């Protein structure tokens, strides 16, 4: 089974987790830049350990409402994958729009 801490976004310790798909510098560098853009607005976690599935599960257990994955497609299309904790739905969101998208999704 899947363990999920379904906290209201206002109560979740971290609102967003930024997860580069791998530890390759071409992914971690831009992911850290995205983290720096989000941090003035919301409490964020950053995790580049283990595989992406385990990182999603760990964030679900912590109650993190949204996970943002920076992957190899992000380099090409300038977008990231935003995953919702409760529905597990994933949306591609432009890096230009991601801060507004996150704040809107969290109701902040």
PDB file of N, CA and C in Angstrom:
ATOM      1  N   UNK A   1       0.802  -1.189   0.000  1.00  0.00           N
ATOM      2  CA  UNK A   1       0.000   0.000   0.000  1.00  0.00           C
ATOM      3  C   UNK A   1       0.850   1.259   0.000  1.00  0.00           C
ATOM      4  N   UNK A   2       0.184   2.342  -0.257  1.00  0.00           N
ATOM      5  CA  UNK A   2       0.833   3.651  -0.338  1.00  0.00           C
ATOM      6  C   UNK A   2       0.513   4.419   0.935  1.00  0.00           C
ATOM      7  N   UNK A   3       1.530   4.880   1.626  1.00  0.00           N
ATOM      8  CA  UNK A   3       1.345   5.653   2.849  1.00  0.00           C
ATOM      9  C   UNK A   3       1.370   7.133   2.502  1.00  0.00           C
ATOM     10  N   UNK A   4       0.274   7.818   2.816  1.00  0.00           N
ATOM     11  CA  UNK A   4       0.164   9.242   2.492  1.00  0.00           C
ATOM     12  C   UNK A   4      -0.309   9.998   3.719  1.00  0.00           C
ATOM     13  N   UNK A   5       0.376  11.071   4.051  1.00  0.00           N
ATOM     14  CA  UNK A   5      -0.066  11.964   5.109  1.00  0.00           C
ATOM     15  C   UNK A   5      -0.833  13.096   4.436  1.00  0.00           C
ATOM     16  N   UNK A   6      -2.165  13.034   4.487  1.00  0.00           N
ATOM     17  CA  UNK A   6      -3.000  13.994   3.764  1.00  0.00           C
ATOM     18  C   UNK A   6      -3.255  15.253   4.594  1.00  0.00           C
ATOM     19  N   UNK A   7      -2.224  16.037   4.726  1.00  0.00           N
ATOM     20  CA  UNK A   7      -2.346  17.309   5.434  1.00  0.00           C
ATOM     21  C   UNK A   7      -2.868  18.380   4.489  1.00  0.00           C
ATOM     22  N   UNK A   8      -3.653  19.301   5.032  1.00  0.00           N
ATOM     23  CA  UNK A   8      -4.013  20.487   4.256  1.00  0.00           C
ATOM     24  C   UNK A   8      -2.715  21.204   3.904  1.00  0.00           C
ATOM     25  N   UNK A   9      -2.615  21.767   2.682  1.00  0.00           N
ATOM     26  CA  UNK A   9      -1.367  22.440   2.288  1.00  0.00           C
ATOM     27  C   UNK A   9      -0.852  23.453   3.304  1.00  0.00           C
ATOM     28  N   UNK A  10      -1.755  24.152   3.990  1.00  0.00           N
ATOM     29  CA  UNK A  10      -1.300  25.149   4.970  1.00  0.00           C
ATOM     30  C   UNK A  10      -0.588  24.497   6.158  1.00  0.00           C
ATOM     31  N   UNK A  11      -0.917  23.231   6.446  1.00  0.00           N
ATOM     32  CA  UNK A  11      -0.334  22.531   7.590  1.00  0.00           C
ATOM     33  C   UNK A  11       0.890  21.700   7.228  1.00  0.00           C
ATOM     34  N   UNK A  12       1.070  21.415   5.951  1.00  0.00           N
ATOM     35  CA  UNK A  12       2.195  20.576   5.524  1.00  0.00           C
ATOM     36  C   UNK A  12       3.519  21.279   5.821  1.00  0.00           C
ATOM     37  N   UNK A  13       4.480  20.564   6.416  1.00  0.00           N
ATOM     38  CA  UNK A  13       5.776  21.192   6.712  1.00  0.00           C
ATOM     39  C   UNK A  13       6.453  21.729   5.451  1.00  0.00           C
ATOM     40  N   UNK A  14       6.445  20.927   4.404  1.00  0.00           N
ATOM     41  CA  UNK A  14       6.951  21.373   3.102  1.00  0.00           C
ATOM     42  C   UNK A  14       5.775  21.447   2.149  1.00  0.00           C
ATOM     43  N   UNK A  15       5.685  22.534   1.403  1.00  0.00           N
ATOM     44  CA  UNK A  15       4.596  22.693   0.430  1.00  0.00           C
ATOM     45  C   UNK A  15       4.962  22.045  -0.897  1.00  0.00           C
ATOM     46  N   UNK A  16       6.268  22.071  -1.214  1.00  0.00           N
ATOM     47  CA  UNK A  16       6.761  21.611  -2.510  1.00  0.00           C
ATOM     48  C   UNK A  16       8.081  20.882  -2.299  1.00  0.00           C
ATOM     49  N   UNK A  17       8.286  19.824  -3.068  1.00  0.00           N
ATOM     50  CA  UNK A  17       9.603  19.185  -3.134  1.00  0.00           C
ATOM     51  C   UNK A  17      10.100  19.302  -4.569  1.00  0.00           C
ATOM     52  N   UNK A  18      11.331  19.745  -4.728  1.00  0.00           N
ATOM     53  CA  UNK A  18      11.963  19.821  -6.043  1.00  0.00           C
ATOM     54  C   UNK A  18      12.857  18.592  -6.180  1.00  0.00           C
ATOM     55  N   UNK A  19      12.614  17.827  -7.245  1.00  0.00           N
ATOM     56  CA  UNK A  19      13.285  16.551  -7.429  1.00  0.00           C
ATOM     57  C   UNK A  19      13.906  16.471  -8.821  1.00  0.00           C
ATOM     58  N   UNK A  20      15.216  16.667  -8.951  1.00  0.00           N
ATOM     59  CA  UNK A  20      15.833  16.406 -10.251  1.00  0.00           C
ATOM     60  C   UNK A  20      15.753  14.904 -10.536  1.00  0.00           C
ATOM     61  N   UNK A  21      15.491  14.531 -11.781  1.00  0.00           N
ATOM     62  CA  UNK A  21      15.319  13.121 -12.115  1.00  0.00           C
ATOM     63  C   UNK A  21      16.565  12.304 -11.786  1.00  0.00           C
ATOM     64  N   UNK A  22      17.740  12.894 -11.975  1.00  0.00           N
ATOM     65  CA  UNK A  22      18.985  12.202 -11.633  1.00  0.00           C
ATOM     66  C   UNK A  22      19.970  13.208 -11.053  1.00  0.00           C
ATOM     67  N   UNK A  23      21.125  12.716 -10.643  1.00  0.00           N
ATOM     68  CA  UNK A  23      22.142  13.581 -10.047  1.00  0.00           C
ATOM     69  C   UNK A  23      23.042  14.231 -11.091  1.00  0.00           C
ATOM     70  N   UNK A  24      22.720  14.085 -12.356  1.00  0.00           N
ATOM     71  CA  UNK A  24      23.548  14.691 -13.400  1.00  0.00           C
ATOM     72  C   UNK A  24      23.494  16.211 -13.272  1.00  0.00           C
ATOM     73  N   UNK A  25      24.649  16.877 -13.402  1.00  0.00           N
ATOM     74  CA  UNK A  25      24.708  18.335 -13.212  1.00  0.00           C
ATOM     75  C   UNK A  25      23.763  19.113 -14.127  1.00  0.00           C
ATOM     76  N   UNK A  26      23.491  18.581 -15.325  1.00  0.00           N
ATOM     77  CA  UNK A  26      22.579  19.296 -16.226  1.00  0.00           C
ATOM     78  C   UNK A  26      21.142  19.293 -15.705  1.00  0.00           C
ATOM     79  N   UNK A  27      20.858  18.433 -14.726  1.00  0.00           N
ATOM     80  CA  UNK A  27      19.542  18.432 -14.080  1.00  0.00           C
ATOM     81  C   UNK A  27      19.590  19.082 -12.700  1.00  0.00           C
ATOM     82  N   UNK A  28      20.631  18.808 -11.922  1.00  0.00           N
ATOM     83  CA  UNK A  28      20.674  19.350 -10.559  1.00  0.00           C
ATOM     84  C   UNK A  28      20.868  20.859 -10.551  1.00  0.00           C
ATOM     85  N   UNK A  29      21.655  21.392 -11.478  1.00  0.00           N
ATOM     86  CA  UNK A  29      21.872  22.843 -11.523  1.00  0.00           C
ATOM     87  C   UNK A  29      20.575  23.609 -11.723  1.00  0.00           C
ATOM     88  N   UNK A  30      19.828  23.299 -12.808  1.00  0.00           N
ATOM     89  CA  UNK A  30      18.552  23.993 -13.014  1.00  0.00           C
ATOM     90  C   UNK A  30      17.524  23.695 -11.920  1.00  0.00           C
ATOM     91  N   UNK A  31      17.549  22.492 -11.349  1.00  0.00           N
ATOM     92  CA  UNK A  31      16.611  22.171 -10.267  1.00  0.00           C
ATOM     93  C   UNK A  31      16.896  23.038  -9.040  1.00  0.00           C
ATOM     94  N   UNK A  32      18.171  23.260  -8.751  1.00  0.00           N
ATOM     95  CA  UNK A  32      18.532  24.131  -7.624  1.00  0.00           C
ATOM     96  C   UNK A  32      18.137  25.581  -7.900  1.00  0.00           C
ATOM     97  N   UNK A  33      18.232  26.011  -9.165  1.00  0.00           N
ATOM     98  CA  UNK A  33      17.774  27.361  -9.528  1.00  0.00           C
ATOM     99  C   UNK A  33      16.269  27.489  -9.316  1.00  0.00           C
ATOM    100  N   UNK A  34      15.517  26.457  -9.696  1.00  0.00           N
ATOM    101  CA  UNK A  34      14.069  26.455  -9.481  1.00  0.00           C
ATOM    102  C   UNK A  34      13.761  26.511  -7.986  1.00  0.00           C
ATOM    103  N   UNK A  35      14.481  25.739  -7.197  1.00  0.00           N
ATOM    104  CA  UNK A  35      14.319  25.764  -5.742  1.00  0.00           C
ATOM    105  C   UNK A  35      14.506  27.184  -5.211  1.00  0.00           C
ATOM    106  N   UNK A  36      15.542  27.862  -5.676  1.00  0.00           N
ATOM    107  CA  UNK A  36      15.822  29.233  -5.222  1.00  0.00           C
ATOM    108  C   UNK A  36      14.692  30.186  -5.606  1.00  0.00           C
ATOM    109  N   UNK A  37      14.028  29.938  -6.738  1.00  0.00           N
ATOM    110  CA  UNK A  37      12.890  30.782  -7.149  1.00  0.00           C
ATOM    111  C   UNK A  37      11.659  30.529  -6.288  1.00  0.00           C
ATOM    112  N   UNK A  38      11.487  29.297  -5.832  1.00  0.00           N
ATOM    113  CA  UNK A  38      10.308  28.938  -5.040  1.00  0.00           C
ATOM    114  C   UNK A  38      10.450  29.306  -3.564  1.00  0.00           C
ATOM    115  N   UNK A  39      11.665  29.250  -3.029  1.00  0.00           N
ATOM    116  CA  UNK A  39      11.875  29.423  -1.585  1.00  0.00           C
ATOM    117  C   UNK A  39      11.364  30.737  -0.998  1.00  0.00           C
ATOM    118  N   UNK A  40      11.391  31.859  -1.723  1.00  0.00           N
ATOM    119  CA  UNK A  40      10.820  33.069  -1.112  1.00  0.00           C
ATOM    120  C   UNK A  40       9.307  32.977  -0.883  1.00  0.00           C
ATOM    121  N   UNK A  41       8.643  32.016  -1.539  1.00  0.00           N
ATOM    122  CA  UNK A  41       7.180  31.933  -1.500  1.00  0.00           C
ATOM    123  C   UNK A  41       6.652  30.800  -0.623  1.00  0.00           C
ATOM    124  N   UNK A  42       7.345  29.659  -0.626  1.00  0.00           N
ATOM    125  CA  UNK A  42       6.858  28.468   0.087  1.00  0.00           C
ATOM    126  C   UNK A  42       8.030  27.689   0.677  1.00  0.00           C
ATOM    127  N   UNK A  43       7.749  26.933   1.748  1.00  0.00           N
ATOM    128  CA  UNK A  43       8.755  26.025   2.311  1.00  0.00           C
ATOM    129  C   UNK A  43       8.953  24.870   1.338  1.00  0.00           C
ATOM    130  N   UNK A  44      10.212  24.644   0.966  1.00  0.00           N
ATOM    131  CA  UNK A  44      10.530  23.629  -0.034  1.00  0.00           C
ATOM    132  C   UNK A  44      11.506  22.605   0.514  1.00  0.00           C
ATOM    133  N   UNK A  45      11.408  21.407  -0.029  1.00  0.00           N
ATOM    134  CA  UNK A  45      12.401  20.372   0.208  1.00  0.00           C
ATOM    135  C   UNK A  45      13.085  20.104  -1.127  1.00  0.00           C
ATOM    136  N   UNK A  46      14.309  19.613  -1.064  1.00  0.00           N
ATOM    137  CA  UNK A  46      15.075  19.269  -2.265  1.00  0.00           C
ATOM    138  C   UNK A  46      15.677  17.899  -2.018  1.00  0.00           C
ATOM    139  N   UNK A  47      15.514  17.000  -2.992  1.00  0.00           N
ATOM    140  CA  UNK A  47      15.996  15.634  -2.791  1.00  0.00           C
ATOM    141  C   UNK A  47      16.480  15.069  -4.113  1.00  0.00           C
ATOM    142  N   UNK A  48      17.748  14.639  -4.125  1.00  0.00           N
ATOM    143  CA  UNK A  48      18.286  14.009  -5.332  1.00  0.00           C
ATOM    144  C   UNK A  48      18.791  12.600  -5.032  1.00  0.00           C
ATOM    145  N   UNK A  49      18.392  12.039  -3.868  1.00  0.00           N
ATOM    146  CA  UNK A  49      18.836  10.695  -3.493  1.00  0.00           C
ATOM    147  C   UNK A  49      17.870   9.647  -4.032  1.00  0.00           C
ATOM    148  N   UNK A  50      18.340   8.428  -4.212  1.00  0.00           N
ATOM    149  CA  UNK A  50      17.528   7.272  -4.609  1.00  0.00           C
ATOM    150  C   UNK A  50      16.789   7.505  -5.926  1.00  0.00           C
ATOM    151  N   UNK A  51      15.902   6.563  -6.272  1.00  0.00           N
ATOM    152  CA  UNK A  51      15.163   6.723  -7.529  1.00  0.00           C
ATOM    153  C   UNK A  51      13.925   7.590  -7.307  1.00  0.00           C
ATOM    154  N   UNK A  52      13.371   8.066  -8.394  1.00  0.00           N
ATOM    155  CA  UNK A  52      12.277   9.049  -8.321  1.00  0.00           C
ATOM    156  C   UNK A  52      11.045   8.474  -7.619  1.00  0.00           C
ATOM    157  N   UNK A  53      10.753   7.188  -7.819  1.00  0.00           N
ATOM    158  CA  UNK A  53       9.598   6.572  -7.164  1.00  0.00           C
ATOM    159  C   UNK A  53       9.722   6.598  -5.648  1.00  0.00           C
ATOM    160  N   UNK A  54      10.910   6.274  -5.144  1.00  0.00           N
ATOM    161  CA  UNK A  54      11.134   6.298  -3.693  1.00  0.00           C
ATOM    162  C   UNK A  54      11.050   7.719  -3.159  1.00  0.00           C
ATOM    163  N   UNK A  55      11.526   8.679  -3.941  1.00  0.00           N
ATOM    164  CA  UNK A  55      11.450  10.077  -3.488  1.00  0.00           C
ATOM    165  C   UNK A  55      10.003  10.547  -3.446  1.00  0.00           C
ATOM    166  N   UNK A  56       9.189  10.165  -4.450  1.00  0.00           N
ATOM    167  CA  UNK A  56       7.761  10.502  -4.416  1.00  0.00           C
ATOM    168  C   UNK A  56       7.122   9.899  -3.164  1.00  0.00           C
ATOM    169  N   UNK A  57       7.408   8.633  -2.883  1.00  0.00           N
ATOM    170  CA  UNK A  57       6.815   7.971  -1.713  1.00  0.00           C
ATOM    171  C   UNK A  57       7.224   8.658  -0.415  1.00  0.00           C
ATOM    172  N   UNK A  58       8.490   9.030  -0.308  1.00  0.00           N
ATOM    173  CA  UNK A  58       8.961   9.712   0.904  1.00  0.00           C
ATOM    174  C   UNK A  58       8.220  11.047   1.082  1.00  0.00           C
ATOM    175  N   UNK A  59       8.046  11.799   0.002  1.00  0.00           N
ATOM    176  CA  UNK A  59       7.331  13.076   0.097  1.00  0.00           C
ATOM    177  C   UNK A  59       5.860  12.853   0.442  1.00  0.00           C
ATOM    178  N   UNK A  60       5.237  11.789  -0.101  1.00  0.00           N
ATOM    179  CA  UNK A  60       3.852  11.456   0.257  1.00  0.00           C
ATOM    180  C   UNK A  60       3.742  11.198   1.758  1.00  0.00           C
ATOM    181  N   UNK A  61       4.717  10.484   2.312  1.00  0.00           N
ATOM    182  CA  UNK A  61       4.705  10.168   3.747  1.00  0.00           C
ATOM    183  C   UNK A  61       4.908  11.413   4.601  1.00  0.00           C
ATOM    184  N   UNK A  62       5.645  12.397   4.080  1.00  0.00           N
ATOM    185  CA  UNK A  62       5.865  13.657   4.801  1.00  0.00           C
ATOM    186  C   UNK A  62       4.679  14.610   4.678  1.00  0.00           C
ATOM    187  N   UNK A  63       3.766  14.313   3.733  1.00  0.00           N
ATOM    188  CA  UNK A  63       2.604  15.166   3.530  1.00  0.00           C
ATOM    189  C   UNK A  63       2.828  16.304   2.557  1.00  0.00           C
ATOM    190  N   UNK A  64       3.912  16.265   1.783  1.00  0.00           N
ATOM    191  CA  UNK A  64       4.217  17.332   0.820  1.00  0.00           C
ATOM    192  C   UNK A  64       3.175  17.317  -0.299  1.00  0.00           C
ATOM    193  N   UNK A  65       2.395  18.411  -0.470  1.00  0.00           N
ATOM    194  CA  UNK A  65       1.309  18.406  -1.451  1.00  0.00           C
ATOM    195  C   UNK A  65       1.763  18.289  -2.908  1.00  0.00           C
ATOM    196  N   UNK A  66       2.883  18.926  -3.267  1.00  0.00           N
ATOM    197  CA  UNK A  66       3.316  18.950  -4.664  1.00  0.00           C
ATOM    198  C   UNK A  66       4.782  18.563  -4.782  1.00  0.00           C
ATOM    199  N   UNK A  67       5.082  17.764  -5.794  1.00  0.00           N
ATOM    200  CA  UNK A  67       6.464  17.460  -6.158  1.00  0.00           C
ATOM    201  C   UNK A  67       6.703  17.982  -7.568  1.00  0.00           C
ATOM    202  N   UNK A  68       7.834  18.620  -7.749  1.00  0.00           N
ATOM    203  CA  UNK A  68       8.206  19.139  -9.065  1.00  0.00           C
ATOM    204  C   UNK A  68       9.450  18.396  -9.519  1.00  0.00           C
ATOM    205  N   UNK A  69       9.345  17.740 -10.669  1.00  0.00           N
ATOM    206  CA  UNK A  69      10.470  16.983 -11.208  1.00  0.00           C
ATOM    207  C   UNK A  69      11.066  17.711 -12.400  1.00  0.00           C
ATOM    208  N   UNK A  70      12.371  17.947 -12.309  1.00  0.00           N
ATOM    209  CA  UNK A  70      13.133  18.508 -13.426  1.00  0.00           C
ATOM    210  C   UNK A  70      13.812  17.322 -14.101  1.00  0.00           C
ATOM    211  N   UNK A  71      13.441  17.067 -15.378  1.00  0.00           N
ATOM    212  CA  UNK A  71      13.944  15.891 -16.077  1.00  0.00           C
ATOM    213  C   UNK A  71      14.641  16.285 -17.377  1.00  0.00           C
ATOM    214  N   UNK A  72      15.043  15.288 -18.150  1.00  0.00           N
ATOM    215  CA  UNK A  72      15.768  15.577 -19.391  1.00  0.00           C
ATOM    216  C   UNK A  72      14.898  16.339 -20.391  1.00  0.00           C
ATOM    217  N   UNK A  73      13.576  16.094 -20.386  1.00  0.00           N
ATOM    218  CA  UNK A  73      12.672  16.855 -21.257  1.00  0.00           C
ATOM    219  C   UNK A  73      12.663  18.333 -20.877  1.00  0.00           C
ATOM    220  N   UNK A  74      12.872  18.631 -19.594  1.00  0.00           N
ATOM    221  CA  UNK A  74      12.873  20.025 -19.123  1.00  0.00           C
ATOM    222  C   UNK A  74      13.942  20.845 -19.823  1.00  0.00           C
ATOM    223  N   UNK A  75      15.078  20.203 -20.105  1.00  0.00           N
ATOM    224  CA  UNK A  75      16.168  20.893 -20.799  1.00  0.00           C
ATOM    225  C   UNK A  75      15.695  21.339 -22.177  1.00  0.00           C
ATOM    226  N   UNK A  76      14.909  20.478 -22.830  1.00  0.00           N
ATOM    227  CA  UNK A  76      14.450  20.751 -24.200  1.00  0.00           C
ATOM    228  C   UNK A  76      13.243  21.684 -24.237  1.00  0.00           C
ATOM    229  N   UNK A  77      12.252  21.424 -23.366  1.00  0.00           N
ATOM    230  CA  UNK A  77      10.974  22.145 -23.503  1.00  0.00           C
ATOM    231  C   UNK A  77      10.758  23.250 -22.474  1.00  0.00           C
ATOM    232  N   UNK A  78      11.693  23.435 -21.542  1.00  0.00           N
ATOM    233  CA  UNK A  78      11.546  24.515 -20.568  1.00  0.00           C
ATOM    234  C   UNK A  78      10.354  24.341 -19.649  1.00  0.00           C
ATOM    235  N   UNK A  79       9.975  23.074 -19.384  1.00  0.00           N
ATOM    236  CA  UNK A  79       8.832  22.790 -18.514  1.00  0.00           C
ATOM    237  C   UNK A  79       9.231  21.713 -17.507  1.00  0.00           C
ATOM    238  N   UNK A  80       8.479  21.631 -16.430  1.00  0.00           N
ATOM    239  CA  UNK A  80       8.709  20.629 -15.394  1.00  0.00           C
ATOM    240  C   UNK A  80       7.426  19.841 -15.164  1.00  0.00           C
ATOM    241  N   UNK A  81       7.546  18.698 -14.500  1.00  0.00           N
ATOM    242  CA  UNK A  81       6.379  17.897 -14.150  1.00  0.00           C
ATOM    243  C   UNK A  81       5.984  18.210 -12.714  1.00  0.00           C
ATOM    244  N   UNK A  82       4.733  18.623 -12.529  1.00  0.00           N
ATOM    245  CA  UNK A  82       4.199  18.902 -11.195  1.00  0.00           C
ATOM    246  C   UNK A  82       3.248  17.759 -10.840  1.00  0.00           C
ATOM    247  N   UNK A  83       3.551  17.055  -9.739  1.00  0.00           N
ATOM    248  CA  UNK A  83       2.765  15.894  -9.313  1.00  0.00           C
ATOM    249  C   UNK A  83       2.010  16.231  -8.034  1.00  0.00           C
ATOM    250  N   UNK A  84       0.716  15.939  -8.046  1.00  0.00           N
ATOM    251  CA  UNK A  84      -0.157  16.161  -6.900  1.00  0.00           C
ATOM    252  C   UNK A  84      -0.127  14.946  -5.974  1.00  0.00           C
ATOM    253  N   UNK A  85       0.090  15.172  -4.680  1.00  0.00           N
ATOM    254  CA  UNK A  85       0.170  14.090  -3.694  1.00  0.00           C
ATOM    255  C   UNK A  85      -1.109  13.262  -3.634  1.00  0.00           C
ATOM    256  N   UNK A  86      -2.270  13.912  -3.626  1.00  0.00           N
ATOM    257  CA  UNK A  86      -3.527  13.210  -3.378  1.00  0.00           C
ATOM    258  C   UNK A  86      -4.057  12.475  -4.600  1.00  0.00           C
ATOM    259  N   UNK A  87      -3.956  13.096  -5.778  1.00  0.00           N
ATOM    260  CA  UNK A  87      -4.499  12.479  -6.993  1.00  0.00           C
ATOM    261  C   UNK A  87      -3.432  11.732  -7.785  1.00  0.00           C
ATOM    262  N   UNK A  88      -2.159  12.020  -7.521  1.00  0.00           N
ATOM    263  CA  UNK A  88      -1.021  11.494  -8.262  1.00  0.00           C
ATOM    264  C   UNK A  88      -1.033  11.949  -9.729  1.00  0.00           C
ATOM    265  N   UNK A  89      -1.895  12.919 -10.046  1.00  0.00           N
ATOM    266  CA  UNK A  89      -1.905  13.476 -11.404  1.00  0.00           C
ATOM    267  C   UNK A  89      -0.633  14.268 -11.626  1.00  0.00           C
ATOM    268  N   UNK A  90      -0.160  14.230 -12.876  1.00  0.00           N
ATOM    269  CA  UNK A  90       1.052  14.944 -13.237  1.00  0.00           C
ATOM    270  C   UNK A  90       0.755  15.885 -14.395  1.00  0.00           C
ATOM    271  N   UNK A  91       1.194  17.129 -14.254  1.00  0.00           N
ATOM    272  CA  UNK A  91       1.009  18.142 -15.298  1.00  0.00           C
ATOM    273  C   UNK A  91       2.364  18.692 -15.693  1.00  0.00           C
ATOM    274  N   UNK A  92       2.533  18.969 -16.985  1.00  0.00           N
ATOM    275  CA  UNK A  92       3.723  19.683 -17.443  1.00  0.00           C
ATOM    276  C   UNK A  92       3.423  21.170 -17.329  1.00  0.00           C
ATOM    277  N   UNK A  93       4.318  21.901 -16.688  1.00  0.00           N
ATOM    278  CA  UNK A  93       4.129  23.332 -16.456  1.00  0.00           C
ATOM    279  C   UNK A  93       5.399  24.056 -16.884  1.00  0.00           C
ATOM    280  N   UNK A  94       5.226  25.142 -17.620  1.00  0.00           N
ATOM    281  CA  UNK A  94       6.361  25.947 -18.064  1.00  0.00           C
ATOM    282  C   UNK A  94       7.123  26.491 -16.864  1.00  0.00           C
ATOM    283  N   UNK A  95       8.446  26.516 -16.978  1.00  0.00           N
ATOM    284  CA  UNK A  95       9.261  27.096 -15.903  1.00  0.00           C
ATOM    285  C   UNK A  95       8.890  28.550 -15.656  1.00  0.00           C
ATOM    286  N   UNK A  96       8.444  29.248 -16.693  1.00  0.00           N
ATOM    287  CA  UNK A  96       8.034  30.648 -16.538  1.00  0.00           C
ATOM    288  C   UNK A  96       6.795  30.771 -15.652  1.00  0.00           C
ATOM    289  N   UNK A  97       5.941  29.741 -15.647  1.00  0.00           N
ATOM    290  CA  UNK A  97       4.658  29.795 -14.942  1.00  0.00           C
ATOM    291  C   UNK A  97       4.638  29.006 -13.633  1.00  0.00           C
ATOM    292  N   UNK A  98       5.730  28.295 -13.328  1.00  0.00           N
ATOM    293  CA  UNK A  98       5.663  27.305 -12.252  1.00  0.00           C
ATOM    294  C   UNK A  98       5.423  27.928 -10.873  1.00  0.00           C
ATOM    295  N   UNK A  99       5.992  29.077 -10.575  1.00  0.00           N
ATOM    296  CA  UNK A  99       5.771  29.682  -9.250  1.00  0.00           C
ATOM    297  C   UNK A  99       4.298  30.045  -9.084  1.00  0.00           C
ATOM    298  N   UNK A 100       3.713  30.722 -10.074  1.00  0.00           N
ATOM    299  CA  UNK A 100       2.288  31.074 -10.004  1.00  0.00           C
ATOM    300  C   UNK A 100       1.414  29.822  -9.944  1.00  0.00           C
ATOM    301  N   UNK A 101       1.769  28.805 -10.726  1.00  0.00           N
ATOM    302  CA  UNK A 101       1.013  27.550 -10.745  1.00  0.00           C
ATOM    303  C   UNK A 101       1.004  26.906  -9.355  1.00  0.00           C
ATOM    304  N   UNK A 102       2.171  26.841  -8.729  1.00  0.00           N
ATOM    305  CA  UNK A 102       2.294  26.236  -7.399  1.00  0.00           C
ATOM    306  C   UNK A 102       1.469  27.015  -6.375  1.00  0.00           C
ATOM    307  N   UNK A 103       1.600  28.329  -6.368  1.00  0.00           N
ATOM    308  CA  UNK A 103       0.852  29.144  -5.398  1.00  0.00           C
ATOM    309  C   UNK A 103      -0.651  28.977  -5.594  1.00  0.00           C
ATOM    310  N   UNK A 104      -1.093  28.915  -6.845  1.00  0.00           N
ATOM    311  CA  UNK A 104      -2.506  28.725  -7.145  1.00  0.00           C
ATOM    312  C   UNK A 104      -2.981  27.347  -6.677  1.00  0.00           C
ATOM    313  N   UNK A 105      -2.218  26.305  -6.991  1.00  0.00           N
ATOM    314  CA  UNK A 105      -2.596  24.939  -6.605  1.00  0.00           C
ATOM    315  C   UNK A 105      -2.664  24.786  -5.087  1.00  0.00           C
ATOM    316  N   UNK A 106      -1.796  25.490  -4.382  1.00  0.00           N
ATOM    317  CA  UNK A 106      -1.769  25.392  -2.922  1.00  0.00           C
ATOM    318  C   UNK A 106      -2.792  26.309  -2.262  1.00  0.00           C
ATOM    319  N   UNK A 107      -3.422  27.174  -3.047  1.00  0.00           N
ATOM    320  CA  UNK A 107      -4.383  28.117  -2.494  1.00  0.00           C
ATOM    321  C   UNK A 107      -3.738  29.199  -1.661  1.00  0.00           C
ATOM    322  N   UNK A 108      -2.503  29.568  -2.027  1.00  0.00           N
ATOM    323  CA  UNK A 108      -1.768  30.582  -1.256  1.00  0.00           C
ATOM    324  C   UNK A 108      -1.701  31.901  -2.001  1.00  0.00           C
TER     325      UNK A 108
END
